[in-house]
Amino acid sequence: MICTFECTFCRDCVETRLGGRCPNCGGEFVRRPVRPPALLAKYPASIARVFKPQGCAAAG
């Protein structure tokens, strides 16, 4: 799930821990969009991942 500032969380955390609101900006979450295959080939997804080992339990 993604918010307007592109913070991303798994659906389980969004629904069970965060109450549907981003802990960073307070915005709503929506399903992360799918990039069309032709554009994915031209503009591949980032390989850099931001991982917070503490998870989002502290935010809820």
PDB file of N, CA and C in Angstrom:
ATOM      1  N   MET A   1       0.855  -1.168   0.000  1.00  0.00           N
ATOM      2  CA  MET A   1       0.000   0.000   0.000  1.00  0.00           C
ATOM      3  C   MET A   1       0.898   1.227   0.000  1.00  0.00           C
ATOM      4  N   ILE A   2       0.420   2.331  -0.599  1.00  0.00           N
ATOM      5  CA  ILE A   2       1.238   3.516  -0.771  1.00  0.00           C
ATOM      6  C   ILE A   2       0.418   4.771  -0.454  1.00  0.00           C
ATOM      7  N   CYS A   3       1.084   5.796   0.112  1.00  0.00           N
ATOM      8  CA  CYS A   3       0.409   7.064   0.384  1.00  0.00           C
ATOM      9  C   CYS A   3       0.850   8.091  -0.656  1.00  0.00           C
ATOM     10  N   THR A   4       0.332   9.303  -0.587  1.00  0.00           N
ATOM     11  CA  THR A   4       0.653  10.318  -1.586  1.00  0.00           C
ATOM     12  C   THR A   4       2.115  10.750  -1.548  1.00  0.00           C
ATOM     13  N   PHE A   5       2.807  10.520  -0.428  1.00  0.00           N
ATOM     14  CA  PHE A   5       4.231  10.835  -0.346  1.00  0.00           C
ATOM     15  C   PHE A   5       5.088   9.612  -0.673  1.00  0.00           C
ATOM     16  N   GLU A   6       4.440   8.555  -1.155  1.00  0.00           N
ATOM     17  CA  GLU A   6       5.080   7.315  -1.578  1.00  0.00           C
ATOM     18  C   GLU A   6       5.702   6.509  -0.444  1.00  0.00           C
ATOM     19  N   CYS A   7       5.185   6.683   0.762  1.00  0.00           N
ATOM     20  CA  CYS A   7       5.556   5.786   1.860  1.00  0.00           C
ATOM     21  C   CYS A   7       4.840   4.476   1.569  1.00  0.00           C
ATOM     22  N   THR A   8       5.507   3.360   1.754  1.00  0.00           N
ATOM     23  CA  THR A   8       4.885   2.076   1.457  1.00  0.00           C
ATOM     24  C   THR A   8       4.926   1.158   2.667  1.00  0.00           C
ATOM     25  N   PHE A   9       3.840   0.440   2.851  1.00  0.00           N
ATOM     26  CA  PHE A   9       3.704  -0.530   3.933  1.00  0.00           C
ATOM     27  C   PHE A   9       2.927  -1.713   3.391  1.00  0.00           C
ATOM     28  N   CYS A  10       3.091  -2.861   4.027  1.00  0.00           N
ATOM     29  CA  CYS A  10       2.324  -4.028   3.587  1.00  0.00           C
ATOM     30  C   CYS A  10       0.853  -3.846   3.976  1.00  0.00           C
ATOM     31  N   ARG A  11      -0.011  -4.534   3.252  1.00  0.00           N
ATOM     32  CA  ARG A  11      -1.460  -4.423   3.490  1.00  0.00           C
ATOM     33  C   ARG A  11      -1.823  -4.806   4.926  1.00  0.00           C
ATOM     34  N   ASP A  12      -1.180  -5.845   5.449  1.00  0.00           N
ATOM     35  CA  ASP A  12      -1.487  -6.287   6.810  1.00  0.00           C
ATOM     36  C   ASP A  12      -1.245  -5.168   7.824  1.00  0.00           C
ATOM     37  N   CYS A  13      -0.099  -4.500   7.728  1.00  0.00           N
ATOM     38  CA  CYS A  13       0.195  -3.410   8.672  1.00  0.00           C
ATOM     39  C   CYS A  13      -0.765  -2.236   8.481  1.00  0.00           C
ATOM     40  N   VAL A  14      -1.061  -1.900   7.234  1.00  0.00           N
ATOM     41  CA  VAL A  14      -1.978  -0.790   6.966  1.00  0.00           C
ATOM     42  C   VAL A  14      -3.336  -1.060   7.593  1.00  0.00           C
ATOM     43  N   GLU A  15      -3.829  -2.274   7.452  1.00  0.00           N
ATOM     44  CA  GLU A  15      -5.167  -2.603   7.938  1.00  0.00           C
ATOM     45  C   GLU A  15      -5.227  -2.888   9.426  1.00  0.00           C
ATOM     46  N   THR A  16      -4.199  -3.542   9.991  1.00  0.00           N
ATOM     47  CA  THR A  16      -4.296  -3.973  11.386  1.00  0.00           C
ATOM     48  C   THR A  16      -3.558  -3.089  12.384  1.00  0.00           C
ATOM     49  N   ARG A  17      -2.528  -2.384  11.944  1.00  0.00           N
ATOM     50  CA  ARG A  17      -1.729  -1.590  12.880  1.00  0.00           C
ATOM     51  C   ARG A  17      -1.837  -0.092  12.676  1.00  0.00           C
ATOM     52  N   LEU A  18      -2.035   0.313  11.437  1.00  0.00           N
ATOM     53  CA  LEU A  18      -1.990   1.740  11.139  1.00  0.00           C
ATOM     54  C   LEU A  18      -3.358   2.373  10.925  1.00  0.00           C
ATOM     55  N   GLY A  19      -4.396   1.575  10.922  1.00  0.00           N
ATOM     56  CA  GLY A  19      -5.748   2.110  10.774  1.00  0.00           C
ATOM     57  C   GLY A  19      -5.983   2.833   9.460  1.00  0.00           C
ATOM     58  N   GLY A  20      -5.225   2.458   8.417  1.00  0.00           N
ATOM     59  CA  GLY A  20      -5.437   3.046   7.107  1.00  0.00           C
ATOM     60  C   GLY A  20      -4.818   4.419   6.916  1.00  0.00           C
ATOM     61  N   ARG A  21      -4.062   4.912   7.908  1.00  0.00           N
ATOM     62  CA  ARG A  21      -3.424   6.230   7.814  1.00  0.00           C
ATOM     63  C   ARG A  21      -1.917   6.092   7.921  1.00  0.00           C
ATOM     64  N   CYS A  22      -1.203   6.844   7.095  1.00  0.00           N
ATOM     65  CA  CYS A  22       0.255   6.810   7.089  1.00  0.00           C
ATOM     66  C   CYS A  22       0.797   7.425   8.383  1.00  0.00           C
ATOM     67  N   PRO A  23       1.681   6.723   9.087  1.00  0.00           N
ATOM     68  CA  PRO A  23       2.235   7.269  10.328  1.00  0.00           C
ATOM     69  C   PRO A  23       3.211   8.414  10.070  1.00  0.00           C
ATOM     70  N   ASN A  24       3.669   8.562   8.834  1.00  0.00           N
ATOM     71  CA  ASN A  24       4.620   9.627   8.504  1.00  0.00           C
ATOM     72  C   ASN A  24       3.934  10.936   8.147  1.00  0.00           C
ATOM     73  N   CYS A  25       2.874  10.868   7.345  1.00  0.00           N
ATOM     74  CA  CYS A  25       2.233  12.099   6.871  1.00  0.00           C
ATOM     75  C   CYS A  25       0.752  12.204   7.221  1.00  0.00           C
ATOM     76  N   GLY A  26       0.149  11.116   7.683  1.00  0.00           N
ATOM     77  CA  GLY A  26      -1.270  11.141   8.033  1.00  0.00           C
ATOM     78  C   GLY A  26      -2.194  10.910   6.851  1.00  0.00           C
ATOM     79  N   GLY A  27      -1.627  10.695   5.663  1.00  0.00           N
ATOM     80  CA  GLY A  27      -2.439  10.490   4.461  1.00  0.00           C
ATOM     81  C   GLY A  27      -3.020   9.095   4.389  1.00  0.00           C
ATOM     82  N   GLU A  28      -3.961   8.931   3.457  1.00  0.00           N
ATOM     83  CA  GLU A  28      -4.584   7.628   3.264  1.00  0.00           C
ATOM     84  C   GLU A  28      -3.697   6.740   2.388  1.00  0.00           C
ATOM     85  N   PHE A  29      -3.924   5.463   2.457  1.00  0.00           N
ATOM     86  CA  PHE A  29      -3.208   4.495   1.634  1.00  0.00           C
ATOM     87  C   PHE A  29      -4.107   3.994   0.514  1.00  0.00           C
ATOM     88  N   VAL A  30      -3.492   3.690  -0.614  1.00  0.00           N
ATOM     89  CA  VAL A  30      -4.184   3.059  -1.735  1.00  0.00           C
ATOM     90  C   VAL A  30      -3.319   1.910  -2.218  1.00  0.00           C
ATOM     91  N   ARG A  31      -3.905   1.051  -3.055  1.00  0.00           N
ATOM     92  CA  ARG A  31      -3.151  -0.063  -3.619  1.00  0.00           C
ATOM     93  C   ARG A  31      -2.025   0.503  -4.469  1.00  0.00           C
ATOM     94  N   ARG A  32      -0.860  -0.075  -4.345  1.00  0.00           N
ATOM     95  CA  ARG A  32       0.287   0.376  -5.137  1.00  0.00           C
ATOM     96  C   ARG A  32       0.009   0.088  -6.609  1.00  0.00           C
ATOM     97  N   PRO A  33       0.182   1.084  -7.496  1.00  0.00           N
ATOM     98  CA  PRO A  33      -0.114   0.870  -8.912  1.00  0.00           C
ATOM     99  C   PRO A  33       0.897  -0.057  -9.584  1.00  0.00           C
ATOM    100  N   VAL A  34       0.475  -0.665 -10.666  1.00  0.00           N
ATOM    101  CA  VAL A  34       1.328  -1.567 -11.434  1.00  0.00           C
ATOM    102  C   VAL A  34       1.853  -0.800 -12.642  1.00  0.00           C
ATOM    103  N   ARG A  35       3.159  -0.840 -12.840  1.00  0.00           N
ATOM    104  CA  ARG A  35       3.756  -0.170 -13.994  1.00  0.00           C
ATOM    105  C   ARG A  35       3.568  -1.055 -15.224  1.00  0.00           C
ATOM    106  N   PRO A  36       3.069  -0.495 -16.344  1.00  0.00           N
ATOM    107  CA  PRO A  36       2.883  -1.300 -17.558  1.00  0.00           C
ATOM    108  C   PRO A  36       4.204  -1.941 -17.998  1.00  0.00           C
ATOM    109  N   PRO A  37       4.158  -3.170 -18.516  1.00  0.00           N
ATOM    110  CA  PRO A  37       5.382  -3.901 -18.879  1.00  0.00           C
ATOM    111  C   PRO A  37       6.348  -3.137 -19.778  1.00  0.00           C
ATOM    112  N   ALA A  38       5.838  -2.428 -20.783  1.00  0.00           N
ATOM    113  CA  ALA A  38       6.725  -1.690 -21.689  1.00  0.00           C
ATOM    114  C   ALA A  38       7.476  -0.584 -20.946  1.00  0.00           C
ATOM    115  N   LEU A  39       6.790   0.092 -20.026  1.00  0.00           N
ATOM    116  CA  LEU A  39       7.434   1.156 -19.262  1.00  0.00           C
ATOM    117  C   LEU A  39       8.338   0.589 -18.175  1.00  0.00           C
ATOM    118  N   LEU A  40       7.993  -0.586 -17.663  1.00  0.00           N
ATOM    119  CA  LEU A  40       8.851  -1.227 -16.674  1.00  0.00           C
ATOM    120  C   LEU A  40      10.198  -1.585 -17.294  1.00  0.00           C
ATOM    121  N   ALA A  41      10.183  -2.019 -18.559  1.00  0.00           N
ATOM    122  CA  ALA A  41      11.432  -2.340 -19.253  1.00  0.00           C
ATOM    123  C   ALA A  41      12.268  -1.078 -19.475  1.00  0.00           C
ATOM    124  N   LYS A  42      11.595   0.019 -19.819  1.00  0.00           N
ATOM    125  CA  LYS A  42      12.297   1.273 -20.087  1.00  0.00           C
ATOM    126  C   LYS A  42      12.725   1.971 -18.797  1.00  0.00           C
ATOM    127  N   TYR A  43      11.877   1.906 -17.773  1.00  0.00           N
ATOM    128  CA  TYR A  43      12.136   2.546 -16.480  1.00  0.00           C
ATOM    129  C   TYR A  43      11.993   1.498 -15.376  1.00  0.00           C
ATOM    130  N   PRO A  44      13.017   0.690 -15.156  1.00  0.00           N
ATOM    131  CA  PRO A  44      12.900  -0.390 -14.170  1.00  0.00           C
ATOM    132  C   PRO A  44      12.706   0.148 -12.743  1.00  0.00           C
ATOM    133  N   ALA A  45      12.100  -0.668 -11.943  1.00  0.00           N
ATOM    134  CA  ALA A  45      11.886  -0.313 -10.544  1.00  0.00           C
ATOM    135  C   ALA A  45      13.232  -0.180  -9.833  1.00  0.00           C
ATOM    136  N   SER A  46      13.257   0.638  -8.821  1.00  0.00           N
ATOM    137  CA  SER A  46      14.486   0.837  -8.043  1.00  0.00           C
ATOM    138  C   SER A  46      14.884  -0.455  -7.352  1.00  0.00           C
ATOM    139  N   ILE A  47      16.178  -0.679  -7.227  1.00  0.00           N
ATOM    140  CA  ILE A  47      16.647  -1.848  -6.489  1.00  0.00           C
ATOM    141  C   ILE A  47      17.063  -1.469  -5.076  1.00  0.00           C
ATOM    142  N   ALA A  48      17.035  -0.176  -4.763  1.00  0.00           N
ATOM    143  CA  ALA A  48      17.356   0.276  -3.406  1.00  0.00           C
ATOM    144  C   ALA A  48      16.120   0.126  -2.535  1.00  0.00           C
ATOM    145  N   ARG A  49      16.277  -0.564  -1.426  1.00  0.00           N
ATOM    146  CA  ARG A  49      15.156  -0.790  -0.528  1.00  0.00           C
ATOM    147  C   ARG A  49      15.452  -0.160   0.812  1.00  0.00           C
ATOM    148  N   VAL A  50      14.469   0.528   1.375  1.00  0.00           N
ATOM    149  CA  VAL A  50      14.602   1.100   2.711  1.00  0.00           C
ATOM    150  C   VAL A  50      13.898   0.143   3.654  1.00  0.00           C
ATOM    151  N   PHE A  51      14.625  -0.356   4.614  1.00  0.00           N
ATOM    152  CA  PHE A  51      14.065  -1.334   5.546  1.00  0.00           C
ATOM    153  C   PHE A  51      14.215  -0.810   6.971  1.00  0.00           C
ATOM    154  N   LYS A  52      13.117  -0.817   7.707  1.00  0.00           N
ATOM    155  CA  LYS A  52      13.135  -0.397   9.104  1.00  0.00           C
ATOM    156  C   LYS A  52      12.944  -1.642   9.948  1.00  0.00           C
ATOM    157  N   PRO A  53      14.017  -2.156  10.541  1.00  0.00           N
ATOM    158  CA  PRO A  53      13.915  -3.417  11.271  1.00  0.00           C
ATOM    159  C   PRO A  53      12.938  -3.380  12.434  1.00  0.00           C
ATOM    160  N   GLN A  54      12.650  -2.198  12.958  1.00  0.00           N
ATOM    161  CA  GLN A  54      11.696  -2.106  14.065  1.00  0.00           C
ATOM    162  C   GLN A  54      10.257  -2.278  13.592  1.00  0.00           C
ATOM    163  N   GLY A  55      10.046  -2.275  12.256  1.00  0.00           N
ATOM    164  CA  GLY A  55       8.708  -2.447  11.709  1.00  0.00           C
ATOM    165  C   GLY A  55       7.851  -1.231  11.982  1.00  0.00           C
ATOM    166  N   CYS A  56       6.556  -1.381  11.857  1.00  0.00           N
ATOM    167  CA  CYS A  56       5.669  -0.237  12.063  1.00  0.00           C
ATOM    168  C   CYS A  56       4.886  -0.372  13.376  1.00  0.00           C
ATOM    169  N   ALA A  57       5.200  -1.351  14.202  1.00  0.00           N
ATOM    170  CA  ALA A  57       4.492  -1.510  15.473  1.00  0.00           C
ATOM    171  C   ALA A  57       4.658  -0.287  16.353  1.00  0.00           C
ATOM    172  N   ALA A  58       5.831   0.340  16.306  1.00  0.00           N
ATOM    173  CA  ALA A  58       6.069   1.522  17.131  1.00  0.00           C
ATOM    174  C   ALA A  58       5.217   2.692  16.693  1.00  0.00           C
ATOM    175  N   ALA A  59       4.821   2.719  15.419  1.00  0.00           N
ATOM    176  CA  ALA A  59       4.000   3.819  14.914  1.00  0.00           C
ATOM    177  C   ALA A  59       2.550   3.689  15.347  1.00  0.00           C
ATOM    178  N   GLY A  60       2.118   2.479  15.627  1.00  0.00           N
ATOM    179  CA  GLY A  60       0.707   2.274  15.953  1.00  0.00           C
ATOM    180  C   GLY A  60       0.483   2.400  17.393  1.00  0.00           C
TER     181      GLY A  60
END
